[in-house]
Amino acid sequence: MAIDSTSGQEGELMAHVCLMLESRGWNVKRIPVTPGRMNVFATVCREPRVTLSTHLDTVPPYIAPRIDGDTLWGRGACDAKGIAAAMILAAEALRERDVPVALLFVVGEESSHDGALAANAYPTTSRVLIDGEPTEGKLALGTKGAVRAVLRTTGVAAHSAYPHLGRSAIAALVELLHELPSLVLPHDEVLGATTVNAGMISGGAADNVVAPAAEARLMVRLVSDVEEVWAMLERWVAGRATLERGSLVPAMKLHTVPGFETSIVAFATDVPALTRWGTPYLYGPGSIHVAHTAEEHVTRPELLAAVDGYVRLAERALVVR
């Protein structure tokens, strides 16, 4: 956590992780992603069957780590460097029991999932994938998907003293965004409701100019097929703006094993991009509600419980898959 690994800047951390795992007796493979960025794949046997995986990139801004009593604070505490630490200890316990385990740490999860996509092109014998995200120590029954979108409006520039000579793109954008909460979008009995967040807005030229252009960046959390939702959004826009589709992660129903409390999570993960790594499970310590915030943290008891949880999950998943 002392190494800043904001998405796109993971090179130093991944190199550090390689050296650390090699010093602990792991055979480490470096999977190239983009220049200066790589995934880390670590094994102790020729044909691993269960893979513990999470991402080591983080969202901005970087927050240095600190320990206060039994609580670890800082960027990556629960999303997902604390998870990676728990996975390493769990994997070492599993290899002592002769379980054919591997570790896969990827980059780019918080942005484009390019690390997971690169990993999915890598040869693997894995039959079980345990992905780590902060699920409060519960096994996720499913995850919502996500699609990014850019909503753009255009207007006509004019002197702000004579607004009737122009048309404000900002006013048009605000009108559209005001309608967002009233949209009727798909609902799934397991995954819940489709939601839309306007995370960033921009536009205009100056405070004394009627705005000629504006845009909002949206994140749609999916519980159904993206084409169904996209058609609904296009009908809502109805020619009043342009709608550009960005990166997509589909919604997924996931697998479970007996002996674990379960939940549904609304966030997207790397799991849909890791289709060749085996039957997927999603589990980890910490709460998503503090991830991506200035208050990100995880407790020592949560991390220790996760070590045991990953061991039990790996052993049981290999039996029931």
Protein backbone atom coordinates (compact mmCIF):
# COMPACT_ATOMS: atom_id res chain seq x y z
CA MET A 1 0.00 0.00 0.00
CA ALA A 2 3.00 2.31 0.36
CA ILE A 3 3.44 2.09 -3.43
CA ASP A 4 1.02 4.18 -5.48
CA SER A 5 -0.62 1.92 -8.07
CA THR A 6 -3.40 4.11 -9.40
CA SER A 7 -4.83 2.55 -12.57
CA GLY A 8 -2.32 2.97 -15.40
CA GLN A 9 0.58 3.42 -12.98
CA GLU A 10 0.91 -0.11 -11.60
CA GLY A 11 4.41 -0.95 -12.91
CA GLU A 12 6.42 -0.35 -9.74
CA LEU A 13 4.01 -2.27 -7.53
CA MET A 14 3.76 -5.28 -9.84
CA ALA A 15 7.57 -5.51 -10.02
CA HIS A 16 7.67 -5.41 -6.20
CA VAL A 17 5.04 -8.16 -5.96
CA CYS A 18 7.05 -10.38 -8.33
CA LEU A 19 10.14 -10.11 -6.15
CA MET A 20 8.16 -10.63 -2.95
CA LEU A 21 6.44 -13.79 -4.23
CA GLU A 22 9.69 -15.20 -5.61
CA SER A 23 11.30 -14.69 -2.20
CA ARG A 24 8.47 -16.76 -0.69
CA GLY A 25 9.11 -19.70 -3.02
CA TRP A 26 6.60 -19.04 -5.81
CA ASN A 27 7.33 -19.53 -9.51
CA VAL A 28 6.34 -16.20 -11.03
CA LYS A 29 5.27 -15.46 -14.59
CA ARG A 30 4.91 -11.91 -15.86
CA ILE A 31 1.97 -11.41 -18.25
CA PRO A 32 2.44 -8.25 -20.38
CA VAL A 33 -0.53 -5.89 -20.59
CA THR A 34 0.75 -2.56 -21.95
CA PRO A 35 4.28 -1.08 -21.95
CA GLY A 36 5.43 -0.85 -18.33
CA ARG A 37 2.38 -2.75 -17.01
CA MET A 38 1.96 -6.45 -16.34
CA ASN A 39 -0.08 -9.05 -14.48
CA VAL A 40 1.57 -11.42 -12.03
CA PHE A 41 0.84 -15.18 -12.14
CA ALA A 42 2.40 -17.33 -9.41
CA THR A 43 2.38 -21.13 -9.12
CA VAL A 44 4.01 -23.96 -7.18
CA CYS A 45 2.84 -26.87 -9.35
CA ARG A 46 2.68 -27.65 -13.06
CA GLU A 47 -1.11 -27.75 -13.36
CA PRO A 48 -2.89 -25.53 -10.83
CA ARG A 49 -6.61 -26.17 -10.52
CA VAL A 50 -7.77 -23.30 -8.30
CA THR A 51 -6.72 -19.66 -8.76
CA LEU A 52 -7.01 -16.89 -6.18
CA SER A 53 -7.16 -13.59 -8.05
CA THR A 54 -7.66 -9.90 -7.41
CA HIS A 55 -6.56 -6.55 -8.81
CA LEU A 56 -3.73 -4.41 -7.51
CA ASP A 57 -4.61 -1.14 -9.22
CA THR A 58 -6.54 1.45 -7.22
CA VAL A 59 -8.70 4.48 -7.84
CA PRO A 60 -7.30 7.98 -7.32
CA PRO A 61 -6.33 9.80 -5.25
CA TYR A 62 -3.50 7.88 -3.61
CA ILE A 63 -3.83 7.76 0.20
CA ALA A 64 -0.80 6.56 2.17
CA PRO A 65 -1.40 3.66 4.58
CA ARG A 66 -1.57 3.90 8.35
CA ILE A 67 -2.45 1.48 11.12
CA ASP A 68 -4.63 2.59 14.02
CA GLY A 69 -5.08 -0.23 16.52
CA ASP A 70 -6.59 -3.16 14.61
CA THR A 71 -7.59 -1.06 11.60
CA LEU A 72 -5.63 -0.54 8.40
CA TRP A 73 -6.44 2.72 6.60
CA GLY A 74 -5.48 4.01 3.16
CA ARG A 75 -5.95 3.43 -0.53
CA GLY A 76 -6.22 -0.27 -1.31
CA ALA A 77 -6.87 -1.34 2.29
CA CYS A 78 -9.94 -3.31 1.23
CA ASP A 79 -9.96 -2.66 -2.54
CA ALA A 80 -7.96 -4.73 -3.01
CA LYS A 81 -4.42 -4.88 -1.55
CA GLY A 82 -5.61 -6.17 1.82
CA ILE A 83 -7.42 -8.89 -0.11
CA ALA A 84 -4.22 -9.73 -2.01
CA ALA A 85 -2.34 -10.15 1.28
CA ALA A 86 -5.04 -12.49 2.62
CA MET A 87 -4.92 -14.47 -0.63
CA ILE A 88 -1.15 -14.90 -0.42
CA LEU A 89 -1.37 -16.33 3.09
CA ALA A 90 -4.30 -18.55 2.10
CA ALA A 91 -2.44 -19.82 -0.97
CA GLU A 92 0.58 -20.67 1.16
CA ALA A 93 -1.64 -22.63 3.53
CA LEU A 94 -3.21 -24.44 0.56
CA ARG A 95 0.14 -25.39 -0.97
CA GLU A 96 1.17 -26.90 2.37
CA ARG A 97 -1.93 -29.11 2.04
CA ASP A 98 -0.90 -30.05 -1.53
CA VAL A 99 -3.86 -28.20 -3.06
CA PRO A 100 -2.95 -27.23 -6.68
CA VAL A 101 -3.29 -23.48 -6.17
CA ALA A 102 -2.14 -20.41 -8.09
CA LEU A 103 -2.22 -16.65 -7.56
CA LEU A 104 -3.21 -14.16 -10.27
CA PHE A 105 -2.84 -10.43 -9.62
CA VAL A 106 -4.01 -8.12 -12.39
CA VAL A 107 -3.93 -4.44 -13.32
CA GLY A 108 -6.56 -2.14 -14.79
CA GLU A 109 -9.68 -3.40 -13.00
CA GLU A 110 -10.74 0.07 -11.92
CA SER A 111 -10.61 1.43 -15.46
CA SER A 112 -10.74 -0.78 -18.56
CA HIS A 113 -10.24 -4.36 -17.28
CA ASP A 114 -7.30 -4.63 -19.70
CA GLY A 115 -5.32 -6.70 -17.19
CA ALA A 116 -8.06 -9.33 -16.93
CA LEU A 117 -8.45 -9.42 -20.70
CA ALA A 118 -4.72 -10.03 -21.10
CA ALA A 119 -4.84 -12.76 -18.45
CA ASN A 120 -7.72 -14.46 -20.23
CA ALA A 121 -5.51 -14.92 -23.29
CA TYR A 122 -2.87 -16.67 -21.16
CA PRO A 123 -2.78 -20.52 -21.07
CA THR A 124 -4.30 -21.94 -17.88
CA THR A 125 -5.25 -25.27 -16.33
CA SER A 126 -7.36 -23.58 -13.64
CA ARG A 127 -10.85 -25.00 -13.06
CA VAL A 128 -11.91 -22.73 -10.19
CA LEU A 129 -11.52 -18.94 -10.03
CA ILE A 130 -11.90 -17.17 -6.68
CA ASP A 131 -12.02 -13.45 -7.33
CA GLY A 132 -11.38 -11.08 -4.45
CA GLU A 133 -13.46 -7.97 -3.83
CA PRO A 134 -14.79 -6.43 -0.60
CA THR A 135 -17.97 -8.47 0.03
CA GLU A 136 -17.94 -8.22 3.85
CA GLY A 137 -16.85 -11.84 4.15
CA LYS A 138 -19.88 -13.12 2.25
CA LEU A 139 -20.03 -15.19 -0.92
CA ALA A 140 -21.65 -13.17 -3.69
CA LEU A 141 -24.61 -14.76 -5.49
CA GLY A 142 -24.18 -12.34 -8.36
CA THR A 143 -22.78 -9.02 -9.52
CA LYS A 144 -24.33 -6.24 -11.51
CA GLY A 145 -22.70 -5.35 -14.79
CA ALA A 146 -21.72 -1.90 -15.96
CA VAL A 147 -21.63 0.10 -19.15
CA ARG A 148 -20.12 3.55 -19.50
CA ALA A 149 -21.81 6.21 -21.61
CA VAL A 150 -21.18 9.81 -22.65
CA LEU A 151 -24.24 12.03 -23.09
CA ARG A 152 -23.49 15.08 -25.26
CA THR A 153 -25.68 18.10 -26.00
CA THR A 154 -25.03 20.90 -28.48
CA GLY A 155 -26.22 24.50 -28.52
CA VAL A 156 -25.53 27.80 -30.23
CA ALA A 157 -23.01 30.21 -28.72
CA ALA A 158 -24.09 33.80 -28.08
CA HIS A 159 -23.23 36.74 -25.85
CA SER A 160 -24.76 36.05 -22.44
CA ALA A 161 -26.33 39.52 -22.45
CA TYR A 162 -28.44 38.35 -25.42
CA PRO A 163 -29.31 34.74 -24.56
CA HIS A 164 -32.23 34.73 -27.01
CA LEU A 165 -29.67 34.74 -29.84
CA GLY A 166 -28.20 31.40 -28.71
CA ARG A 167 -29.21 28.05 -27.28
CA SER A 168 -27.60 26.65 -24.13
CA ALA A 169 -26.20 23.13 -24.33
CA ILE A 170 -25.85 23.18 -20.54
CA ALA A 171 -29.55 23.90 -20.07
CA ALA A 172 -30.39 21.01 -22.40
CA LEU A 173 -28.05 18.67 -20.51
CA VAL A 174 -29.48 19.68 -17.13
CA GLU A 175 -33.01 18.99 -18.40
CA LEU A 176 -32.02 15.49 -19.50
CA LEU A 177 -30.19 14.69 -16.26
CA HIS A 178 -33.21 15.90 -14.27
CA GLU A 179 -35.25 13.18 -15.97
CA LEU A 180 -32.85 10.34 -15.12
CA PRO A 181 -34.40 9.35 -11.76
CA SER A 182 -37.82 8.90 -13.37
CA LEU A 183 -36.65 6.38 -16.01
CA VAL A 184 -38.20 2.92 -15.70
CA LEU A 185 -35.33 0.46 -16.27
CA PRO A 186 -35.02 -3.33 -15.91
CA HIS A 187 -35.23 -5.03 -12.50
CA ASP A 188 -33.95 -8.53 -11.69
CA GLU A 189 -35.29 -10.55 -8.76
CA VAL A 190 -31.75 -11.52 -7.73
CA LEU A 191 -29.57 -8.59 -8.81
CA GLY A 192 -32.09 -5.81 -8.14
CA ALA A 193 -32.55 -2.56 -10.03
CA THR A 194 -30.69 -1.01 -12.94
CA THR A 195 -29.17 2.28 -11.78
CA VAL A 196 -27.59 5.22 -13.61
CA ASN A 197 -25.04 7.61 -12.13
CA ALA A 198 -23.95 10.89 -13.72
CA GLY A 199 -20.41 10.90 -12.38
CA MET A 200 -18.89 13.83 -14.30
CA ILE A 201 -20.27 16.83 -16.18
CA SER A 202 -18.50 19.47 -18.23
CA GLY A 203 -19.28 22.10 -20.83
CA GLY A 204 -19.44 25.71 -21.85
CA ALA A 205 -16.82 28.20 -22.96
CA ALA A 206 -16.98 31.04 -20.41
CA ASP A 207 -19.40 32.49 -17.88
CA ASN A 208 -20.42 35.26 -20.30
CA VAL A 209 -21.06 32.91 -23.26
CA VAL A 210 -24.18 30.85 -23.91
CA ALA A 211 -22.79 27.29 -23.83
CA PRO A 212 -22.31 25.71 -27.27
CA ALA A 213 -21.54 22.21 -25.94
CA ALA A 214 -21.84 20.11 -22.78
CA GLU A 215 -21.50 16.50 -21.76
CA ALA A 216 -22.13 14.11 -18.87
CA ARG A 217 -20.32 10.85 -18.24
CA LEU A 218 -22.67 8.13 -17.05
CA MET A 219 -22.19 4.73 -15.43
CA VAL A 220 -25.10 2.35 -15.88
CA ARG A 221 -25.20 -0.61 -13.46
CA LEU A 222 -26.75 -3.49 -15.39
CA VAL A 223 -28.95 -6.37 -14.23
CA SER A 224 -30.00 -7.45 -17.74
CA ASP A 225 -28.75 -7.48 -21.31
CA VAL A 226 -27.04 -4.23 -22.29
CA GLU A 227 -28.91 -3.98 -25.61
CA GLU A 228 -32.24 -3.83 -23.80
CA VAL A 229 -31.05 -1.01 -21.55
CA TRP A 230 -29.31 0.87 -24.36
CA ALA A 231 -32.50 0.90 -26.42
CA MET A 232 -34.34 2.39 -23.44
CA LEU A 233 -31.71 5.10 -23.04
CA GLU A 234 -31.87 5.99 -26.72
CA ARG A 235 -35.65 6.32 -26.51
CA TRP A 236 -35.22 8.60 -23.49
CA VAL A 237 -32.69 10.81 -25.32
CA ALA A 238 -35.00 10.93 -28.37
CA GLY A 239 -32.63 12.98 -30.50
CA ARG A 240 -32.08 15.66 -27.87
CA ALA A 241 -28.45 14.59 -27.44
CA THR A 242 -25.96 12.01 -28.64
CA LEU A 243 -25.22 8.91 -26.58
CA GLU A 244 -21.82 7.24 -26.95
CA ARG A 245 -21.30 3.76 -25.53
CA GLY A 246 -18.09 2.97 -23.65
CA SER A 247 -16.64 -0.08 -21.91
CA LEU A 248 -18.97 -2.91 -20.92
CA VAL A 249 -18.96 -5.50 -18.14
CA PRO A 250 -22.01 -7.81 -18.25
CA ALA A 251 -24.06 -8.77 -15.20
CA MET A 252 -23.36 -12.24 -13.81
CA LYS A 253 -24.97 -14.87 -11.58
CA LEU A 254 -22.25 -16.62 -9.57
CA HIS A 255 -21.65 -19.96 -7.88
CA THR A 256 -21.76 -20.78 -4.16
CA VAL A 257 -20.72 -23.59 -1.83
CA PRO A 258 -22.28 -24.67 1.49
CA GLY A 259 -21.10 -23.06 4.69
CA PHE A 260 -20.86 -19.42 3.56
CA GLU A 261 -23.22 -16.53 4.14
CA THR A 262 -24.27 -15.01 0.80
CA SER A 263 -25.11 -11.58 -0.61
CA ILE A 264 -25.66 -9.64 -3.83
CA VAL A 265 -23.17 -6.94 -4.87
CA ALA A 266 -23.97 -3.97 -7.10
CA PHE A 267 -20.45 -3.36 -8.36
CA ALA A 268 -18.78 -4.83 -11.45
CA THR A 269 -15.68 -7.04 -11.31
CA ASP A 270 -13.04 -8.69 -13.49
CA VAL A 271 -14.92 -12.01 -13.38
CA PRO A 272 -16.72 -11.62 -16.75
CA ALA A 273 -13.35 -11.04 -18.44
CA LEU A 274 -11.75 -14.16 -16.89
CA THR A 275 -13.94 -16.77 -18.56
CA ARG A 276 -11.12 -19.29 -19.14
CA TRP A 277 -10.05 -19.53 -15.50
CA GLY A 278 -12.81 -21.79 -14.23
CA THR A 279 -16.03 -21.73 -12.24
CA PRO A 280 -16.19 -18.23 -10.69
CA TYR A 281 -16.67 -17.30 -7.04
CA LEU A 282 -16.54 -13.81 -5.50
CA TYR A 283 -15.47 -13.31 -1.89
CA GLY A 284 -13.41 -10.95 0.22
CA PRO A 285 -13.00 -8.95 3.44
CA GLY A 286 -14.01 -5.33 3.93
CA SER A 287 -16.91 -3.21 2.77
CA ILE A 288 -17.46 -1.75 -0.68
CA HIS A 289 -19.13 1.19 1.07
CA VAL A 290 -15.74 2.56 2.17
CA ALA A 291 -13.85 1.56 -0.99
CA HIS A 292 -13.14 4.50 -3.32
CA THR A 293 -13.54 6.93 -0.38
CA ALA A 294 -11.18 8.87 1.87
CA GLU A 295 -12.24 6.52 4.69
CA GLU A 296 -11.15 3.27 3.05
CA HIS A 297 -10.16 0.75 5.70
CA VAL A 298 -10.25 -2.89 6.78
CA THR A 299 -9.69 -4.51 10.17
CA ARG A 300 -7.14 -7.10 11.15
CA PRO A 301 -9.84 -9.60 12.25
CA GLU A 302 -11.52 -9.26 8.83
CA LEU A 303 -8.26 -10.00 7.03
CA LEU A 304 -7.44 -12.98 9.24
CA ALA A 305 -10.96 -14.39 8.78
CA ALA A 306 -10.54 -14.01 5.01
CA VAL A 307 -7.39 -16.15 5.03
CA ASP A 308 -9.40 -19.01 6.54
CA GLY A 309 -12.32 -18.22 4.22
CA TYR A 310 -10.21 -18.47 1.09
CA VAL A 311 -8.75 -21.80 2.23
CA ARG A 312 -12.19 -23.29 2.94
CA LEU A 313 -13.67 -21.89 -0.26
CA ALA A 314 -10.86 -23.22 -2.44
CA GLU A 315 -11.05 -26.72 -0.97
CA ARG A 316 -14.85 -26.93 -1.16
CA ALA A 317 -15.08 -25.41 -4.64
CA LEU A 318 -12.70 -28.01 -6.02
CA VAL A 319 -15.01 -30.72 -4.70
CA VAL A 320 -18.37 -29.30 -5.87
CA ARG A 321 -17.43 -27.76 -9.23
